[in-house]
Amino acid sequence: MAQKMEYKYEYDEQGRLVNKEMQSWDEAKQQWTKSSRLVYKYYKNGYNVEVSKWNADKQAYDLPSQVTLYRSVGLDMTSVKTYRMNEAQDNMYLADSMVVMEPIDSRLLAVM
């Protein structure tokens, strides 16, 4: 049986997504239980997405376990870098890096 999930969204005054919280249904407790969240932080040239897990013992979200940075680096090009937490050394390390290019024809009104 698939696990039931519920999503809660928060937006800033500009209508941008700033928080997405995921909750799963706890059948035994008959209630929704927090599981993780995505926090979006916006900057002049891009944005970050932070992933945090819910810590039931602390009744709070842990520090982000992963952060992905999206930065505009040129016309129709975005740099994407993902950092992950190294628990043993208590720091983040670069896990993935790429440049995404938008196809030129995606701006055309009609494609033949």
N, C-alpha and C. Protein backbone atom coordinates (compact mmCIF):
# COMPACT_ATOMS: atom_id res chain seq x y z
N MET A 1 0.83 -1.18 0.00
CA MET A 1 0.00 0.00 0.00
C MET A 1 0.88 1.25 0.00
N ALA A 2 0.56 2.19 -0.84
CA ALA A 2 1.33 3.43 -0.94
C ALA A 2 1.12 4.29 0.30
N GLN A 3 2.19 4.93 0.71
CA GLN A 3 2.12 5.80 1.88
C GLN A 3 1.41 7.11 1.51
N LYS A 4 0.50 7.56 2.38
CA LYS A 4 -0.20 8.81 2.14
C LYS A 4 0.74 9.96 2.48
N MET A 5 0.77 10.94 1.59
CA MET A 5 1.61 12.12 1.79
C MET A 5 0.76 13.38 1.68
N GLU A 6 1.15 14.37 2.45
CA GLU A 6 0.49 15.67 2.41
C GLU A 6 1.58 16.72 2.26
N TYR A 7 1.31 17.76 1.48
CA TYR A 7 2.29 18.80 1.23
C TYR A 7 1.70 20.15 1.64
N LYS A 8 2.50 20.94 2.33
CA LYS A 8 2.10 22.29 2.72
C LYS A 8 3.06 23.27 2.07
N TYR A 9 2.52 24.32 1.49
CA TYR A 9 3.32 25.29 0.76
C TYR A 9 3.19 26.67 1.40
N GLU A 10 4.30 27.42 1.42
CA GLU A 10 4.29 28.82 1.86
C GLU A 10 4.94 29.66 0.76
N TYR A 11 4.39 30.85 0.55
CA TYR A 11 4.88 31.75 -0.49
C TYR A 11 5.22 33.11 0.11
N ASP A 12 6.16 33.82 -0.52
CA ASP A 12 6.50 35.16 -0.06
C ASP A 12 5.57 36.18 -0.70
N GLU A 13 5.79 37.47 -0.40
CA GLU A 13 4.93 38.54 -0.90
C GLU A 13 5.01 38.69 -2.42
N GLN A 14 6.04 38.11 -3.05
CA GLN A 14 6.17 38.15 -4.51
C GLN A 14 5.57 36.91 -5.17
N GLY A 15 4.97 36.04 -4.37
CA GLY A 15 4.34 34.84 -4.91
C GLY A 15 5.31 33.69 -5.16
N ARG A 16 6.53 33.80 -4.65
CA ARG A 16 7.54 32.75 -4.84
C ARG A 16 7.44 31.72 -3.72
N LEU A 17 7.65 30.47 -4.06
CA LEU A 17 7.66 29.40 -3.07
C LEU A 17 8.84 29.59 -2.14
N VAL A 18 8.59 29.57 -0.81
CA VAL A 18 9.68 29.72 0.15
C VAL A 18 9.79 28.50 1.07
N ASN A 19 8.74 27.70 1.16
CA ASN A 19 8.78 26.54 2.05
C ASN A 19 7.82 25.47 1.53
N LYS A 20 8.30 24.24 1.42
CA LYS A 20 7.46 23.10 1.06
C LYS A 20 7.70 22.04 2.12
N GLU A 21 6.66 21.73 2.88
CA GLU A 21 6.77 20.75 3.96
C GLU A 21 6.06 19.46 3.56
N MET A 22 6.73 18.32 3.77
CA MET A 22 6.16 17.02 3.47
C MET A 22 5.80 16.33 4.78
N GLN A 23 4.58 15.77 4.81
CA GLN A 23 4.11 15.03 5.97
C GLN A 23 3.57 13.68 5.50
N SER A 24 3.73 12.67 6.34
CA SER A 24 3.20 11.35 6.01
C SER A 24 2.16 10.98 7.06
N TRP A 25 1.23 10.13 6.66
CA TRP A 25 0.14 9.72 7.54
C TRP A 25 0.63 8.61 8.46
N ASP A 26 0.49 8.83 9.76
CA ASP A 26 0.84 7.83 10.77
C ASP A 26 -0.45 7.10 11.14
N GLU A 27 -0.60 5.90 10.64
CA GLU A 27 -1.83 5.13 10.84
C GLU A 27 -2.06 4.83 12.32
N ALA A 28 -1.00 4.51 13.05
CA ALA A 28 -1.13 4.17 14.47
C ALA A 28 -1.62 5.36 15.29
N LYS A 29 -1.08 6.54 15.00
CA LYS A 29 -1.46 7.75 15.76
C LYS A 29 -2.66 8.48 15.15
N GLN A 30 -3.02 8.05 13.94
CA GLN A 30 -4.12 8.69 13.21
C GLN A 30 -3.90 10.20 13.07
N GLN A 31 -2.67 10.53 12.63
CA GLN A 31 -2.35 11.95 12.41
C GLN A 31 -1.22 12.09 11.40
N TRP A 32 -1.09 13.30 10.86
CA TRP A 32 -0.01 13.60 9.94
C TRP A 32 1.26 13.84 10.74
N THR A 33 2.38 13.29 10.25
CA THR A 33 3.67 13.43 10.91
C THR A 33 4.64 14.10 9.95
N LYS A 34 5.33 15.15 10.42
CA LYS A 34 6.30 15.85 9.58
C LYS A 34 7.42 14.89 9.20
N SER A 35 7.91 15.01 7.97
CA SER A 35 9.02 14.16 7.55
C SER A 35 10.20 14.98 7.04
N SER A 36 9.95 15.97 6.18
CA SER A 36 11.03 16.79 5.66
C SER A 36 10.48 18.08 5.09
N ARG A 37 11.39 18.97 4.73
CA ARG A 37 10.96 20.23 4.10
C ARG A 37 12.03 20.74 3.16
N LEU A 38 11.59 21.53 2.22
CA LEU A 38 12.46 22.25 1.30
C LEU A 38 12.29 23.73 1.60
N VAL A 39 13.41 24.44 1.81
CA VAL A 39 13.38 25.88 2.04
C VAL A 39 14.05 26.55 0.85
N TYR A 40 13.35 27.50 0.25
CA TYR A 40 13.85 28.22 -0.92
C TYR A 40 14.30 29.61 -0.50
N LYS A 41 15.54 29.98 -0.86
CA LYS A 41 16.08 31.30 -0.55
C LYS A 41 16.49 31.95 -1.86
N TYR A 42 15.99 33.17 -2.09
CA TYR A 42 16.17 33.84 -3.37
C TYR A 42 17.23 34.94 -3.29
N TYR A 43 17.99 35.05 -4.39
CA TYR A 43 19.06 36.03 -4.50
C TYR A 43 18.95 36.73 -5.85
N LYS A 44 19.72 37.77 -6.04
CA LYS A 44 19.67 38.55 -7.28
C LYS A 44 19.91 37.69 -8.52
N ASN A 45 20.85 36.74 -8.43
CA ASN A 45 21.22 35.95 -9.62
C ASN A 45 20.79 34.48 -9.52
N GLY A 46 19.88 34.14 -8.61
CA GLY A 46 19.43 32.76 -8.51
C GLY A 46 18.75 32.45 -7.19
N TYR A 47 18.81 31.18 -6.80
CA TYR A 47 18.19 30.77 -5.55
C TYR A 47 18.84 29.49 -5.03
N ASN A 48 18.60 29.21 -3.75
CA ASN A 48 19.07 27.98 -3.10
C ASN A 48 17.86 27.16 -2.67
N VAL A 49 18.03 25.85 -2.64
CA VAL A 49 17.01 24.94 -2.09
C VAL A 49 17.71 24.10 -1.02
N GLU A 50 17.22 24.22 0.22
CA GLU A 50 17.78 23.48 1.35
C GLU A 50 16.84 22.35 1.74
N VAL A 51 17.39 21.16 1.94
CA VAL A 51 16.61 19.99 2.34
C VAL A 51 16.92 19.68 3.80
N SER A 52 15.87 19.61 4.63
CA SER A 52 16.03 19.28 6.05
C SER A 52 15.05 18.18 6.44
N LYS A 53 15.50 17.30 7.33
CA LYS A 53 14.65 16.22 7.86
C LYS A 53 14.08 16.63 9.21
N TRP A 54 12.88 16.15 9.51
CA TRP A 54 12.25 16.40 10.79
C TRP A 54 12.88 15.51 11.86
N ASN A 55 13.24 16.11 12.99
CA ASN A 55 13.80 15.38 14.11
C ASN A 55 12.72 15.29 15.19
N ALA A 56 12.09 14.13 15.31
CA ALA A 56 10.97 13.95 16.24
C ALA A 56 11.41 14.12 17.69
N ASP A 57 12.64 13.72 18.00
CA ASP A 57 13.13 13.86 19.38
C ASP A 57 13.25 15.32 19.78
N LYS A 58 13.73 16.15 18.88
CA LYS A 58 13.91 17.58 19.16
C LYS A 58 12.67 18.41 18.84
N GLN A 59 11.71 17.78 18.11
CA GLN A 59 10.52 18.49 17.64
C GLN A 59 10.90 19.73 16.83
N ALA A 60 11.88 19.53 15.96
CA ALA A 60 12.36 20.62 15.09
C ALA A 60 13.05 20.01 13.89
N TYR A 61 13.23 20.83 12.85
CA TYR A 61 13.97 20.37 11.69
C TYR A 61 15.47 20.42 11.98
N ASP A 62 16.20 19.40 11.51
CA ASP A 62 17.65 19.40 11.62
C ASP A 62 18.23 20.44 10.67
N LEU A 63 19.52 20.72 10.82
CA LEU A 63 20.20 21.58 9.85
C LEU A 63 20.11 20.92 8.48
N PRO A 64 20.17 21.69 7.41
CA PRO A 64 20.05 21.10 6.08
C PRO A 64 21.06 19.98 5.83
N SER A 65 20.58 18.89 5.25
CA SER A 65 21.45 17.77 4.88
C SER A 65 21.95 17.93 3.45
N GLN A 66 21.28 18.81 2.69
CA GLN A 66 21.65 19.05 1.29
C GLN A 66 21.22 20.46 0.90
N VAL A 67 22.07 21.13 0.13
CA VAL A 67 21.75 22.46 -0.39
C VAL A 67 22.11 22.47 -1.87
N THR A 68 21.15 22.90 -2.70
CA THR A 68 21.41 23.03 -4.13
C THR A 68 21.33 24.50 -4.50
N LEU A 69 22.37 25.00 -5.17
CA LEU A 69 22.46 26.39 -5.58
C LEU A 69 22.20 26.49 -7.08
N TYR A 70 21.26 27.35 -7.47
CA TYR A 70 20.95 27.61 -8.87
C TYR A 70 21.36 29.06 -9.14
N ARG A 71 22.31 29.27 -10.06
CA ARG A 71 22.79 30.61 -10.36
C ARG A 71 22.81 30.84 -11.86
N SER A 72 22.29 31.99 -12.27
CA SER A 72 22.35 32.40 -13.67
C SER A 72 23.79 32.77 -13.98
N VAL A 73 24.35 32.14 -15.01
CA VAL A 73 25.75 32.41 -15.37
C VAL A 73 25.88 32.97 -16.78
N GLY A 74 24.77 33.20 -17.44
CA GLY A 74 24.79 33.75 -18.79
C GLY A 74 23.41 33.63 -19.39
N LEU A 75 23.28 34.17 -20.58
CA LEU A 75 22.01 34.11 -21.29
C LEU A 75 21.59 32.65 -21.47
N ASP A 76 20.47 32.26 -20.89
CA ASP A 76 19.91 30.91 -21.00
C ASP A 76 20.81 29.82 -20.42
N MET A 77 21.66 30.17 -19.44
CA MET A 77 22.52 29.18 -18.79
C MET A 77 22.42 29.33 -17.27
N THR A 78 22.29 28.19 -16.59
CA THR A 78 22.20 28.16 -15.13
C THR A 78 23.21 27.17 -14.58
N SER A 79 23.98 27.62 -13.59
CA SER A 79 24.90 26.74 -12.88
C SER A 79 24.12 26.08 -11.75
N VAL A 80 24.27 24.76 -11.61
CA VAL A 80 23.59 24.01 -10.55
C VAL A 80 24.65 23.25 -9.76
N LYS A 81 24.77 23.56 -8.46
CA LYS A 81 25.74 22.88 -7.60
C LYS A 81 25.01 22.34 -6.38
N THR A 82 25.25 21.07 -6.07
CA THR A 82 24.63 20.44 -4.91
C THR A 82 25.69 20.09 -3.89
N TYR A 83 25.45 20.53 -2.66
CA TYR A 83 26.33 20.24 -1.53
C TYR A 83 25.59 19.33 -0.56
N ARG A 84 26.30 18.37 0.00
CA ARG A 84 25.71 17.45 0.99
C ARG A 84 26.49 17.53 2.28
N MET A 85 25.79 17.23 3.37
CA MET A 85 26.41 17.27 4.69
C MET A 85 27.29 16.05 4.90
N ASN A 86 28.51 16.29 5.37
CA ASN A 86 29.43 15.23 5.78
C ASN A 86 29.33 15.18 7.30
N GLU A 87 28.53 14.26 7.82
CA GLU A 87 28.28 14.18 9.26
C GLU A 87 29.56 13.99 10.07
N ALA A 88 30.50 13.19 9.56
CA ALA A 88 31.73 12.89 10.29
C ALA A 88 32.58 14.14 10.50
N GLN A 89 32.60 15.02 9.50
CA GLN A 89 33.43 16.23 9.61
C GLN A 89 32.60 17.48 9.88
N ASP A 90 31.27 17.33 9.97
CA ASP A 90 30.35 18.44 10.26
C ASP A 90 30.54 19.61 9.29
N ASN A 91 30.60 19.28 7.99
CA ASN A 91 30.67 20.31 6.97
C ASN A 91 30.01 19.82 5.69
N MET A 92 29.83 20.73 4.75
CA MET A 92 29.22 20.40 3.47
C MET A 92 30.32 20.16 2.44
N TYR A 93 30.05 19.24 1.51
CA TYR A 93 31.00 19.00 0.41
C TYR A 93 30.24 19.06 -0.91
N LEU A 94 30.95 19.44 -1.95
CA LEU A 94 30.36 19.52 -3.29
C LEU A 94 30.11 18.10 -3.80
N ALA A 95 28.85 17.76 -4.02
CA ALA A 95 28.48 16.42 -4.47
C ALA A 95 28.21 16.36 -5.97
N ASP A 96 27.77 17.48 -6.56
CA ASP A 96 27.43 17.47 -7.98
C ASP A 96 27.49 18.90 -8.50
N SER A 97 27.87 19.04 -9.76
CA SER A 97 27.96 20.35 -10.39
C SER A 97 27.68 20.20 -11.88
N MET A 98 26.87 21.11 -12.41
CA MET A 98 26.58 21.08 -13.85
C MET A 98 26.10 22.45 -14.31
N VAL A 99 26.09 22.64 -15.61
CA VAL A 99 25.53 23.84 -16.22
C VAL A 99 24.36 23.39 -17.08
N VAL A 100 23.22 24.04 -16.90
CA VAL A 100 22.02 23.70 -17.66
C VAL A 100 21.80 24.79 -18.69
N MET A 101 21.62 24.38 -19.94
CA MET A 101 21.39 25.33 -21.02
C MET A 101 19.97 25.17 -21.54
N GLU A 102 19.28 26.28 -21.67
CA GLU A 102 17.92 26.27 -22.21
C GLU A 102 18.00 26.27 -23.73
N PRO A 103 17.26 25.39 -24.38
CA PRO A 103 17.28 25.37 -25.86
C PRO A 103 16.77 26.69 -26.43
N ILE A 104 17.42 27.17 -27.46
CA ILE A 104 17.05 28.45 -28.07
C ILE A 104 15.63 28.42 -28.58
N ASP A 105 15.19 27.32 -29.17
CA ASP A 105 13.85 27.27 -29.77
C ASP A 105 12.73 27.24 -28.73
N SER A 106 13.04 27.15 -27.43
CA SER A 106 11.99 27.13 -26.42
C SER A 106 11.31 28.49 -26.28
N ARG A 107 11.94 29.54 -26.83
CA ARG A 107 11.35 30.87 -26.76
C ARG A 107 10.50 31.20 -27.98
N LEU A 108 10.46 30.33 -28.94
CA LEU A 108 9.67 30.56 -30.14
C LEU A 108 8.18 30.40 -29.85
N LEU A 109 7.36 31.20 -30.48
CA LEU A 109 5.92 31.10 -30.28
C LEU A 109 5.34 29.86 -30.93
N ALA A 110 5.90 29.50 -32.06
CA ALA A 110 5.41 28.32 -32.76
C ALA A 110 6.61 27.52 -33.28
N VAL A 111 6.57 26.23 -33.07
CA VAL A 111 7.63 25.36 -33.55
C VAL A 111 7.05 24.48 -34.63
N MET A 112 7.70 24.41 -35.77
CA MET A 112 7.17 23.61 -36.87
C MET A 112 7.74 22.23 -36.85
